[in-house]
Amino acid sequence: MNPYGAYTFAHDRAVYLVDLYDLLHNRRQRAARSDWVSSFKELMHWNQGDEVHRVDGDNCILVMRNPSDWTMQHFAHDHLSELLRSAIVCGVSAMDRFFHDVVLDNSLKLLRRADADVPKTLREVKLSLIDADAAIAHALKGRANGARSRPRNTLKARLAEALHQHTFQSSSGVEHAMGMLGLGKPWGDLSRHMQGSAEDVKARLNGIVRRRNQIVHEGDLVRTARPQSPKMHDAVSATVRDDLDWLKSLVTNVNNRVQAEL
């Protein structure tokens, strides 16, 4: 699977979480009418003494029979919004993974260029002497066995480990990844394909990543000087869906440029 294919797979999983929220988010404010409950029990051949909770989602009705730990209240926004927070985290992680993969996939091709033509940011990636020795040992072993040696594959594996020390999420991280590819600062090109100026694109990306960091590193709790009780940042389905669509547009445009220029 190529980097963009892997990204699309991960992105779609994030969107699925938003879809699941919309499907299950309970719009019902009151308990189900007693006559509806009685008719439903009769239809299902349930005992009339069974307790029934009804959840009205988006084009969906969920009926729980004799619920224990879960009731209709657990499908209210306060509980179900955890799906939205997870979707934000998954969406940013998918983008991060894309940049790791696309740099790694193009690294050997870029390293085959003349030294002066290898992107400066890629040249600055530090690999240890142990990594170099492993590549040499791989080549010598292949030669001794009469097999074709691919020491660059060993270097590629060690480069993958080195790249995992970097995060390609914020605007500076994305710029770093594009520098490794020798494609320079991407914001002018992205702004021509996406709504807003170069600064708007950077600010939108940084805002989404900041939201991700609130969830991952701060439990999405609002910072207060003297907290009396926990208060969380809200998560809105339409906003999360829009952010995921925007991230996909960014990654798609970057991928198009990579395919055209590398």
Protein backbone atom coordinates (compact mmCIF):
# COMPACT_ATOMS: atom_id res chain seq x y z
CA MET A 1 0.00 0.00 0.00
CA ASN A 2 1.37 3.41 -0.96
CA PRO A 3 1.50 6.33 1.54
CA TYR A 4 -1.66 7.94 0.25
CA GLY A 5 -3.56 4.66 0.29
CA ALA A 6 -2.54 4.10 3.92
CA TYR A 7 -3.59 7.66 4.76
CA THR A 8 -7.00 7.23 3.12
CA PHE A 9 -7.60 4.01 5.07
CA ALA A 10 -6.77 5.73 8.38
CA HIS A 11 -8.74 8.88 7.46
CA ASP A 12 -11.84 6.83 6.66
CA ARG A 13 -11.63 5.18 10.08
CA ALA A 14 -11.64 8.63 11.69
CA VAL A 15 -14.70 9.67 9.65
CA TYR A 16 -16.40 6.43 10.72
CA LEU A 17 -16.17 7.58 14.35
CA VAL A 18 -17.98 10.82 13.46
CA ASP A 19 -20.59 8.83 11.54
CA LEU A 20 -21.06 6.60 14.58
CA TYR A 21 -21.53 9.66 16.80
CA ASP A 22 -24.18 11.08 14.47
CA LEU A 23 -25.93 7.72 14.28
CA LEU A 24 -26.04 7.09 18.04
CA HIS A 25 -26.26 10.58 19.52
CA ASN A 26 -29.51 10.56 21.47
CA ARG A 27 -31.91 13.34 20.48
CA ARG A 28 -34.65 12.05 22.78
CA GLN A 29 -35.23 14.15 25.89
CA ARG A 30 -37.86 11.98 27.56
CA ALA A 31 -38.47 8.31 28.12
CA ALA A 32 -40.37 6.46 25.41
CA ARG A 33 -44.14 6.55 25.61
CA SER A 34 -45.59 3.67 27.59
CA ASP A 35 -47.95 2.56 24.79
CA TRP A 36 -45.02 2.43 22.30
CA VAL A 37 -42.93 0.45 24.78
CA SER A 38 -45.77 -2.00 25.43
CA SER A 39 -46.35 -2.54 21.70
CA PHE A 40 -42.64 -3.00 21.06
CA LYS A 41 -42.34 -5.61 23.82
CA GLU A 42 -45.26 -7.46 22.33
CA LEU A 43 -43.67 -7.33 18.88
CA MET A 44 -40.36 -8.67 20.24
CA HIS A 45 -42.07 -11.25 22.47
CA TRP A 46 -40.45 -9.68 25.52
CA ASN A 47 -41.95 -9.75 28.98
CA GLN A 48 -44.05 -6.69 29.72
CA GLY A 49 -42.13 -6.35 32.99
CA ASP A 50 -38.82 -5.84 31.17
CA GLU A 51 -37.27 -2.39 31.43
CA VAL A 52 -36.72 -0.71 28.07
CA HIS A 53 -34.62 2.33 27.18
CA ARG A 54 -34.96 3.95 23.76
CA VAL A 55 -32.29 6.04 22.04
CA ASP A 56 -33.22 8.15 19.02
CA GLY A 57 -30.16 8.85 16.88
CA ASP A 58 -29.85 10.16 13.35
CA ASN A 59 -32.07 7.85 11.27
CA CYS A 60 -31.56 5.23 13.95
CA ILE A 61 -33.49 3.86 16.93
CA LEU A 62 -31.60 1.83 19.54
CA VAL A 63 -33.65 -0.13 22.06
CA MET A 64 -31.97 -1.53 25.17
CA ARG A 65 -33.62 -4.29 27.17
CA ASN A 66 -33.03 -4.40 30.93
CA PRO A 67 -29.92 -2.20 30.69
CA SER A 68 -27.47 -2.42 33.57
CA ASP A 69 -24.45 -0.17 33.15
CA TRP A 70 -25.68 1.63 30.02
CA THR A 71 -28.85 3.72 29.80
CA MET A 72 -30.14 6.30 27.32
CA GLN A 73 -28.11 8.94 29.21
CA HIS A 74 -24.88 7.33 28.03
CA PHE A 75 -25.84 8.21 24.46
CA ALA A 76 -26.12 11.90 25.27
CA HIS A 77 -23.50 14.30 23.92
CA ASP A 78 -21.37 14.42 27.09
CA HIS A 79 -20.61 10.71 26.87
CA LEU A 80 -20.73 10.09 23.14
CA SER A 81 -18.51 13.07 22.28
CA GLU A 82 -15.52 10.88 23.15
CA LEU A 83 -15.99 9.44 19.65
CA LEU A 84 -15.44 12.92 18.22
CA ARG A 85 -12.29 13.44 20.27
CA SER A 86 -10.97 10.09 19.09
CA ALA A 87 -11.73 11.08 15.50
CA ILE A 88 -9.61 14.24 15.82
CA VAL A 89 -6.69 12.23 17.20
CA CYS A 90 -7.01 9.60 14.46
CA GLY A 91 -7.22 12.22 11.72
CA VAL A 92 -4.03 14.00 12.79
CA SER A 93 -2.24 10.67 13.30
CA ALA A 94 -3.21 9.63 9.77
CA MET A 95 -1.63 12.81 8.39
CA ASP A 96 1.51 12.29 10.49
CA ARG A 97 1.81 8.73 9.20
CA PHE A 98 1.44 9.93 5.61
CA PHE A 99 4.39 12.30 5.89
CA HIS A 100 6.56 9.63 7.54
CA ASP A 101 5.69 7.17 4.78
CA VAL A 102 6.12 9.56 1.86
CA VAL A 103 9.54 10.71 3.12
CA LEU A 104 10.67 7.15 3.67
CA ASP A 105 9.35 5.92 0.32
CA ASN A 106 11.26 8.60 -1.58
CA SER A 107 14.42 8.63 0.56
CA LEU A 108 16.48 6.10 -1.42
CA LYS A 109 15.59 7.76 -4.73
CA LEU A 110 16.66 11.13 -3.32
CA LEU A 111 19.87 9.71 -1.85
CA ARG A 112 20.91 8.38 -5.28
CA ARG A 113 21.27 11.94 -6.51
CA ALA A 114 24.59 13.74 -6.56
CA ASP A 115 25.51 14.86 -3.05
CA ALA A 116 24.83 18.50 -3.84
CA ASP A 117 21.33 17.64 -5.10
CA VAL A 118 20.23 15.67 -2.04
CA PRO A 119 17.81 17.86 -0.04
CA LYS A 120 19.68 19.59 2.77
CA THR A 121 17.08 18.64 5.39
CA LEU A 122 17.39 14.97 4.42
CA ARG A 123 21.19 15.16 4.58
CA GLU A 124 20.88 16.44 8.13
CA VAL A 125 19.11 13.28 9.37
CA LYS A 126 21.60 11.61 11.71
CA LEU A 127 22.20 7.88 11.63
CA SER A 128 24.60 6.19 14.02
CA LEU A 129 27.79 4.30 13.18
CA ILE A 130 25.91 1.17 14.21
CA ASP A 131 23.40 1.82 11.41
CA ALA A 132 26.20 2.24 8.87
CA ASP A 133 27.93 -0.90 10.15
CA ALA A 134 24.69 -2.87 9.82
CA ALA A 135 24.39 -1.85 6.16
CA ILE A 136 28.01 -2.84 5.49
CA ALA A 137 27.56 -6.17 7.29
CA HIS A 138 24.45 -6.84 5.20
CA ALA A 139 26.39 -6.20 2.00
CA LEU A 140 29.32 -8.39 3.03
CA LYS A 141 27.04 -11.23 4.07
CA GLY A 142 25.26 -11.12 0.74
CA ARG A 143 28.52 -11.08 -1.17
CA ALA A 144 29.85 -14.06 0.84
CA ASN A 145 26.73 -16.06 0.04
CA GLY A 146 26.81 -15.11 -3.61
CA ALA A 147 23.50 -13.31 -3.25
CA ARG A 148 22.55 -9.88 -4.50
CA SER A 149 23.03 -7.42 -1.67
CA ARG A 150 20.75 -4.48 -0.94
CA PRO A 151 22.47 -2.53 1.85
CA ARG A 152 20.34 0.51 1.10
CA ASN A 153 17.32 -1.43 2.34
CA THR A 154 19.06 -1.76 5.70
CA LEU A 155 19.72 1.97 5.71
CA LYS A 156 16.08 2.57 4.82
CA ALA A 157 14.95 0.53 7.83
CA ARG A 158 17.28 2.51 10.11
CA LEU A 159 16.07 5.75 8.53
CA ALA A 160 12.50 4.73 9.38
CA GLU A 161 13.53 4.44 13.02
CA ALA A 162 15.21 7.85 12.88
CA LEU A 163 12.13 9.45 11.32
CA HIS A 164 10.00 8.19 14.19
CA GLN A 165 11.85 10.69 16.37
CA HIS A 166 10.09 13.45 14.40
CA THR A 167 6.43 14.42 14.34
CA PHE A 168 5.01 15.81 11.11
CA GLN A 169 1.83 17.40 12.43
CA SER A 170 2.09 21.15 12.95
CA SER A 171 2.96 23.56 10.15
CA SER A 172 6.62 23.42 11.15
CA GLY A 173 6.53 19.61 11.10
CA VAL A 174 4.92 19.53 7.66
CA GLU A 175 7.47 22.04 6.41
CA HIS A 176 10.26 19.84 7.78
CA ALA A 177 8.91 16.80 5.94
CA MET A 178 8.59 18.74 2.68
CA GLY A 179 12.15 19.95 3.15
CA MET A 180 13.32 16.34 3.36
CA LEU A 181 11.63 15.76 0.02
CA GLY A 182 13.34 18.81 -1.48
CA LEU A 183 10.00 20.48 -2.16
CA GLY A 184 10.57 23.56 -0.03
CA LYS A 185 7.89 25.40 1.90
CA PRO A 186 4.51 24.07 0.76
CA TRP A 187 2.23 26.90 1.91
CA GLY A 188 2.12 29.00 -1.24
CA ASP A 189 1.26 25.97 -3.37
CA LEU A 190 -1.33 24.73 -0.85
CA SER A 191 -2.99 28.14 -0.61
CA ARG A 192 -3.57 28.08 -4.38
CA HIS A 193 -5.52 24.83 -4.05
CA MET A 194 -7.15 25.42 -0.67
CA GLN A 195 -9.28 28.25 0.65
CA GLY A 196 -7.33 31.11 2.21
CA SER A 197 -3.81 32.50 2.20
CA ALA A 198 -0.63 30.65 3.09
CA GLU A 199 -0.92 32.00 6.63
CA ASP A 200 -4.55 30.87 6.79
CA VAL A 201 -3.55 27.32 5.84
CA LYS A 202 -0.81 27.23 8.47
CA ALA A 203 -3.12 28.66 11.14
CA ARG A 204 -5.89 26.16 10.35
CA LEU A 205 -3.47 23.24 10.55
CA ASN A 206 -1.94 24.46 13.78
CA GLY A 207 -5.40 24.92 15.28
CA ILE A 208 -6.40 21.34 14.49
CA VAL A 209 -3.12 19.99 15.89
CA ARG A 210 -3.53 22.16 19.01
CA ARG A 211 -6.97 20.60 19.48
CA ARG A 212 -5.42 17.15 19.13
CA ASN A 213 -2.80 17.99 21.76
CA GLN A 214 -5.48 19.17 24.20
CA ILE A 215 -7.10 15.76 23.93
CA VAL A 216 -3.95 13.63 23.99
CA HIS A 217 -1.83 15.53 26.50
CA GLU A 218 -4.37 17.32 28.69
CA GLY A 219 -7.35 14.97 28.77
CA ASP A 220 -9.26 17.75 26.96
CA LEU A 221 -9.78 19.47 30.32
CA VAL A 222 -10.11 23.24 30.37
CA ARG A 223 -7.23 24.88 32.21
CA THR A 224 -8.37 26.96 35.17
CA ALA A 225 -6.44 28.65 37.96
CA ARG A 226 -8.57 27.13 40.73
CA PRO A 227 -10.54 24.20 39.35
CA GLN A 228 -13.60 23.29 41.41
CA SER A 229 -14.81 20.51 39.12
CA PRO A 230 -13.60 19.12 35.78
CA LYS A 231 -14.73 21.03 32.70
CA MET A 232 -13.99 19.79 29.21
CA HIS A 233 -13.57 21.51 25.88
CA ASP A 234 -16.59 20.79 23.73
CA ALA A 235 -16.46 18.69 20.58
CA VAL A 236 -18.92 19.42 17.77
CA SER A 237 -19.70 16.82 15.12
CA ALA A 238 -19.91 19.25 12.19
CA THR A 239 -16.64 20.94 13.18
CA VAL A 240 -14.76 17.65 13.55
CA ARG A 241 -16.07 16.41 10.20
CA ASP A 242 -15.04 19.67 8.54
CA ASP A 243 -11.55 19.46 10.08
CA LEU A 244 -11.11 15.89 8.83
CA ASP A 245 -12.21 16.91 5.33
CA TRP A 246 -9.77 19.82 5.44
CA LEU A 247 -6.88 17.57 6.51
CA LYS A 248 -7.68 15.21 3.64
CA SER A 249 -7.60 18.13 1.22
CA LEU A 250 -4.17 19.15 2.54
CA VAL A 251 -2.75 15.63 2.28
CA THR A 252 -4.28 15.12 -1.18
CA ASN A 253 -2.70 18.31 -2.50
CA VAL A 254 0.68 17.43 -1.00
CA ASN A 255 0.46 13.94 -2.51
CA ASN A 256 -0.39 15.38 -5.93
CA ARG A 257 2.71 17.55 -5.76
CA VAL A 258 4.91 14.66 -4.66
CA GLN A 259 3.62 12.51 -7.52
CA ALA A 260 4.22 15.32 -10.02
CA GLU A 261 7.69 16.39 -8.90
CA LEU A 262 9.42 13.27 -7.52
